[in-house]
Amino acid sequence: MDIKAQYENLFQLLKKDLPLKAFPTRELVQVFRNKEFQITLKTELIITDLHNSGDISGIMCVVSNNEKNVIACALTHLHFSPDVPHYREIIEYQKKREKRIR
């Protein structure tokens, strides 16, 4: 089965629930800081859009901590609280994706 098709179900579920709240990983904090956007691990980000790039980058998220600080990142570079819709599916996807990348 095509990898893009495997990700499509979660992609569609999340797309329907936008915007979603998330928190950055250490790597994403550094990316924001390199662009002179001062955030921390506790900075709440808002996912405003999603793109399914298949095996290249997986599910990509357009995230922002305000309207000026917008960046695209992989779903694997975000942390979610358990009350986010489809939390278990997101965690399962992240584990599979990280294993596939390794």
N, C-alpha and C. Protein backbone atom coordinates (compact mmCIF):
# COMPACT_ATOMS: atom_id res chain seq x y z
N MET A 1 0.84 -1.19 0.00
CA MET A 1 0.00 0.00 0.00
C MET A 1 0.88 1.25 0.00
N ASP A 2 0.46 2.24 -0.73
CA ASP A 2 1.16 3.52 -0.79
C ASP A 2 1.17 4.19 0.58
N ILE A 3 2.32 4.74 0.96
CA ILE A 3 2.47 5.39 2.27
C ILE A 3 1.50 6.56 2.40
N LYS A 4 1.35 7.33 1.34
CA LYS A 4 0.44 8.48 1.39
C LYS A 4 -0.98 8.03 1.74
N ALA A 5 -1.40 6.91 1.17
CA ALA A 5 -2.73 6.37 1.47
C ALA A 5 -2.85 5.94 2.92
N GLN A 6 -1.74 5.40 3.49
CA GLN A 6 -1.77 5.00 4.89
C GLN A 6 -1.99 6.19 5.81
N TYR A 7 -1.45 7.32 5.45
CA TYR A 7 -1.56 8.53 6.28
C TYR A 7 -2.86 9.29 6.04
N GLU A 8 -3.54 8.97 4.96
CA GLU A 8 -4.70 9.75 4.54
C GLU A 8 -5.84 9.76 5.57
N ASN A 9 -6.11 8.64 6.22
CA ASN A 9 -7.20 8.57 7.18
C ASN A 9 -6.97 9.55 8.33
N LEU A 10 -5.80 9.50 8.95
CA LEU A 10 -5.49 10.42 10.04
C LEU A 10 -5.48 11.85 9.53
N PHE A 11 -4.91 12.07 8.37
CA PHE A 11 -4.88 13.40 7.77
C PHE A 11 -6.29 13.98 7.66
N GLN A 12 -7.22 13.19 7.16
CA GLN A 12 -8.61 13.67 7.00
C GLN A 12 -9.28 13.92 8.35
N LEU A 13 -9.04 13.04 9.32
CA LEU A 13 -9.61 13.23 10.66
C LEU A 13 -9.12 14.54 11.28
N LEU A 14 -7.82 14.78 11.20
CA LEU A 14 -7.26 15.99 11.80
C LEU A 14 -7.70 17.24 11.05
N LYS A 15 -7.76 17.15 9.74
CA LYS A 15 -8.15 18.30 8.91
C LYS A 15 -9.54 18.81 9.33
N LYS A 16 -10.43 17.88 9.64
CA LYS A 16 -11.80 18.26 10.05
C LYS A 16 -11.82 18.98 11.40
N ASP A 17 -10.82 18.74 12.24
CA ASP A 17 -10.80 19.31 13.59
C ASP A 17 -9.92 20.54 13.74
N LEU A 18 -9.42 21.06 12.63
CA LEU A 18 -8.59 22.27 12.70
C LEU A 18 -9.40 23.46 13.19
N PRO A 19 -8.79 24.37 13.91
CA PRO A 19 -7.42 24.39 14.39
C PRO A 19 -7.24 23.48 15.60
N LEU A 20 -6.01 22.97 15.75
CA LEU A 20 -5.65 22.10 16.87
C LEU A 20 -4.51 22.74 17.66
N LYS A 21 -4.48 22.47 18.96
CA LYS A 21 -3.41 22.98 19.82
C LYS A 21 -2.33 21.92 19.97
N ALA A 22 -1.08 22.38 20.00
CA ALA A 22 0.06 21.47 20.17
C ALA A 22 1.20 22.24 20.83
N PHE A 23 2.23 21.51 21.19
CA PHE A 23 3.43 22.10 21.79
C PHE A 23 4.65 21.63 21.00
N PRO A 24 5.68 22.46 20.91
CA PRO A 24 6.84 22.10 20.09
C PRO A 24 7.78 21.11 20.78
N THR A 25 8.49 20.35 19.98
CA THR A 25 9.60 19.54 20.48
C THR A 25 10.82 20.46 20.60
N ARG A 26 11.86 19.98 21.22
CA ARG A 26 13.09 20.78 21.35
C ARG A 26 13.62 21.23 19.98
N GLU A 27 13.57 20.32 19.02
CA GLU A 27 14.06 20.65 17.68
C GLU A 27 13.27 21.79 17.05
N LEU A 28 11.97 21.77 17.25
CA LEU A 28 11.13 22.83 16.67
C LEU A 28 11.34 24.16 17.38
N VAL A 29 11.55 24.12 18.69
CA VAL A 29 11.87 25.35 19.43
C VAL A 29 13.11 25.99 18.81
N GLN A 30 14.11 25.17 18.51
CA GLN A 30 15.35 25.69 17.93
C GLN A 30 15.10 26.30 16.55
N VAL A 31 14.25 25.68 15.75
CA VAL A 31 13.93 26.23 14.43
C VAL A 31 13.28 27.60 14.57
N PHE A 32 12.31 27.72 15.49
CA PHE A 32 11.68 29.02 15.73
C PHE A 32 12.72 30.05 16.19
N ARG A 33 13.58 29.64 17.09
CA ARG A 33 14.59 30.57 17.62
C ARG A 33 15.58 31.00 16.54
N ASN A 34 15.93 30.08 15.63
CA ASN A 34 16.81 30.43 14.53
C ASN A 34 16.18 31.48 13.61
N LYS A 35 14.88 31.55 13.62
CA LYS A 35 14.16 32.56 12.85
C LYS A 35 13.80 33.76 13.71
N GLU A 36 14.42 33.81 14.90
CA GLU A 36 14.25 34.91 15.85
C GLU A 36 12.84 35.00 16.44
N PHE A 37 12.15 33.86 16.53
CA PHE A 37 10.85 33.78 17.20
C PHE A 37 11.10 33.11 18.54
N GLN A 38 10.95 33.83 19.61
CA GLN A 38 11.26 33.31 20.94
C GLN A 38 10.10 32.50 21.49
N ILE A 39 10.27 31.18 21.48
CA ILE A 39 9.27 30.29 22.07
C ILE A 39 9.99 29.33 23.01
N THR A 40 9.20 28.62 23.82
CA THR A 40 9.73 27.61 24.73
C THR A 40 8.97 26.31 24.50
N LEU A 41 9.35 25.28 25.23
CA LEU A 41 8.63 24.00 25.14
C LEU A 41 7.19 24.12 25.62
N LYS A 42 6.90 25.16 26.40
CA LYS A 42 5.55 25.36 26.93
C LYS A 42 4.71 26.32 26.10
N THR A 43 5.26 26.80 24.98
CA THR A 43 4.52 27.71 24.11
C THR A 43 3.45 26.92 23.36
N GLU A 44 2.22 27.36 23.50
CA GLU A 44 1.13 26.70 22.79
C GLU A 44 1.14 27.14 21.33
N LEU A 45 1.14 26.17 20.45
CA LEU A 45 1.08 26.43 19.02
C LEU A 45 -0.28 26.04 18.49
N ILE A 46 -0.69 26.68 17.43
CA ILE A 46 -1.96 26.36 16.79
C ILE A 46 -1.67 25.80 15.40
N ILE A 47 -2.19 24.61 15.14
CA ILE A 47 -2.09 24.02 13.80
C ILE A 47 -3.24 24.58 12.99
N THR A 48 -2.91 25.33 11.94
CA THR A 48 -3.94 25.98 11.13
C THR A 48 -4.22 25.27 9.81
N ASP A 49 -3.28 24.42 9.38
CA ASP A 49 -3.47 23.71 8.13
C ASP A 49 -2.60 22.46 8.12
N LEU A 50 -2.94 21.51 7.28
CA LEU A 50 -2.22 20.24 7.16
C LEU A 50 -2.00 19.90 5.69
N HIS A 51 -0.93 19.14 5.43
CA HIS A 51 -0.64 18.63 4.09
C HIS A 51 -0.11 17.22 4.24
N ASN A 52 -0.58 16.31 3.40
CA ASN A 52 -0.11 14.93 3.42
C ASN A 52 0.93 14.78 2.31
N SER A 53 2.20 14.72 2.68
CA SER A 53 3.27 14.61 1.68
C SER A 53 3.70 13.17 1.45
N GLY A 54 2.98 12.23 2.02
CA GLY A 54 3.33 10.82 1.84
C GLY A 54 4.61 10.47 2.55
N ASP A 55 5.45 9.66 1.91
CA ASP A 55 6.66 9.16 2.56
C ASP A 55 7.75 10.22 2.68
N ILE A 56 7.68 11.28 1.90
CA ILE A 56 8.73 12.30 1.92
C ILE A 56 8.85 12.92 3.31
N SER A 57 7.77 13.48 3.79
CA SER A 57 7.79 14.14 5.11
C SER A 57 6.61 13.75 5.97
N GLY A 58 5.76 12.90 5.49
CA GLY A 58 4.59 12.49 6.27
C GLY A 58 3.55 13.60 6.30
N ILE A 59 2.85 13.70 7.41
CA ILE A 59 1.84 14.74 7.57
C ILE A 59 2.54 16.01 8.04
N MET A 60 2.40 17.05 7.26
CA MET A 60 3.03 18.35 7.56
C MET A 60 1.97 19.28 8.13
N CYS A 61 2.39 20.07 9.12
CA CYS A 61 1.49 20.99 9.80
C CYS A 61 1.96 22.43 9.61
N VAL A 62 1.02 23.32 9.38
CA VAL A 62 1.32 24.75 9.40
C VAL A 62 0.96 25.20 10.80
N VAL A 63 1.97 25.66 11.56
CA VAL A 63 1.77 26.03 12.96
C VAL A 63 2.15 27.48 13.19
N SER A 64 1.55 28.04 14.24
CA SER A 64 1.80 29.43 14.58
C SER A 64 1.62 29.62 16.07
N ASN A 65 2.41 30.55 16.65
CA ASN A 65 2.13 30.94 18.02
C ASN A 65 1.51 32.34 18.03
N ASN A 66 1.46 32.95 16.89
CA ASN A 66 0.71 34.18 16.63
C ASN A 66 0.67 34.34 15.11
N GLU A 67 0.01 35.33 14.63
CA GLU A 67 -0.16 35.45 13.18
C GLU A 67 1.14 35.75 12.43
N LYS A 68 2.16 36.23 13.11
CA LYS A 68 3.43 36.55 12.45
C LYS A 68 4.39 35.37 12.43
N ASN A 69 4.36 34.55 13.45
CA ASN A 69 5.30 33.43 13.58
C ASN A 69 4.68 32.16 13.05
N VAL A 70 4.77 31.96 11.75
CA VAL A 70 4.16 30.80 11.10
C VAL A 70 5.29 29.95 10.51
N ILE A 71 5.17 28.64 10.68
CA ILE A 71 6.18 27.73 10.17
C ILE A 71 5.51 26.40 9.82
N ALA A 72 6.10 25.67 8.90
CA ALA A 72 5.62 24.32 8.57
C ALA A 72 6.55 23.32 9.23
N CYS A 73 5.96 22.26 9.79
CA CYS A 73 6.77 21.22 10.42
C CYS A 73 6.03 19.89 10.31
N ALA A 74 6.78 18.84 10.54
CA ALA A 74 6.18 17.50 10.54
C ALA A 74 5.36 17.29 11.81
N LEU A 75 4.33 16.49 11.70
CA LEU A 75 3.50 16.14 12.85
C LEU A 75 4.33 15.50 13.96
N THR A 76 5.44 14.88 13.59
CA THR A 76 6.32 14.25 14.57
C THR A 76 7.11 15.26 15.40
N HIS A 77 7.09 16.53 15.02
CA HIS A 77 7.80 17.57 15.77
C HIS A 77 6.89 18.32 16.74
N LEU A 78 5.76 17.72 17.04
CA LEU A 78 4.80 18.34 17.94
C LEU A 78 4.40 17.37 19.04
N HIS A 79 4.10 17.93 20.21
CA HIS A 79 3.56 17.17 21.33
C HIS A 79 2.10 17.61 21.51
N PHE A 80 1.28 16.66 21.97
CA PHE A 80 -0.14 16.94 22.14
C PHE A 80 -0.59 16.55 23.53
N SER A 81 -1.57 17.27 24.04
CA SER A 81 -2.17 16.87 25.31
C SER A 81 -3.22 15.80 25.02
N PRO A 82 -3.48 14.93 25.98
CA PRO A 82 -4.41 13.82 25.76
C PRO A 82 -5.84 14.24 25.42
N ASP A 83 -6.20 15.49 25.65
CA ASP A 83 -7.57 15.91 25.34
C ASP A 83 -7.74 16.38 23.89
N VAL A 84 -6.68 16.36 23.10
CA VAL A 84 -6.77 16.73 21.69
C VAL A 84 -7.51 15.62 20.94
N PRO A 85 -8.41 15.98 20.02
CA PRO A 85 -9.10 14.95 19.24
C PRO A 85 -8.10 14.03 18.52
N HIS A 86 -8.38 12.76 18.55
CA HIS A 86 -7.58 11.73 17.87
C HIS A 86 -6.17 11.59 18.46
N TYR A 87 -6.05 11.87 19.73
CA TYR A 87 -4.75 11.81 20.41
C TYR A 87 -4.07 10.46 20.20
N ARG A 88 -4.78 9.38 20.43
CA ARG A 88 -4.17 8.04 20.31
C ARG A 88 -3.69 7.77 18.90
N GLU A 89 -4.48 8.19 17.90
CA GLU A 89 -4.09 7.99 16.51
C GLU A 89 -2.84 8.80 16.18
N ILE A 90 -2.75 10.01 16.72
CA ILE A 90 -1.58 10.86 16.49
C ILE A 90 -0.33 10.19 17.08
N ILE A 91 -0.44 9.72 18.31
CA ILE A 91 0.70 9.08 18.98
C ILE A 91 1.14 7.84 18.21
N GLU A 92 0.18 7.04 17.78
CA GLU A 92 0.49 5.84 17.00
C GLU A 92 1.21 6.21 15.70
N TYR A 93 0.70 7.22 15.02
CA TYR A 93 1.33 7.70 13.79
C TYR A 93 2.77 8.15 14.07
N GLN A 94 2.96 8.95 15.12
CA GLN A 94 4.29 9.47 15.44
C GLN A 94 5.27 8.33 15.71
N LYS A 95 4.85 7.32 16.44
CA LYS A 95 5.72 6.18 16.74
C LYS A 95 6.11 5.44 15.45
N LYS A 96 5.12 5.18 14.59
CA LYS A 96 5.38 4.47 13.34
C LYS A 96 6.28 5.31 12.43
N ARG A 97 6.00 6.59 12.37
CA ARG A 97 6.77 7.48 11.49
C ARG A 97 8.23 7.57 11.95
N GLU A 98 8.43 7.74 13.25
CA GLU A 98 9.80 7.82 13.77
C GLU A 98 10.56 6.52 13.55
N LYS A 99 9.87 5.39 13.69
CA LYS A 99 10.50 4.10 13.44
C LYS A 99 10.87 3.98 11.96
N ARG A 100 9.99 4.43 11.09
CA ARG A 100 10.23 4.36 9.64
C ARG A 100 11.41 5.25 9.25
N ILE A 101 11.52 6.41 9.87
CA ILE A 101 12.61 7.34 9.57
C ILE A 101 13.96 6.74 9.98
N ARG A 102 13.97 6.07 11.13
CA ARG A 102 15.22 5.45 11.60
C ARG A 102 15.61 4.35 10.67
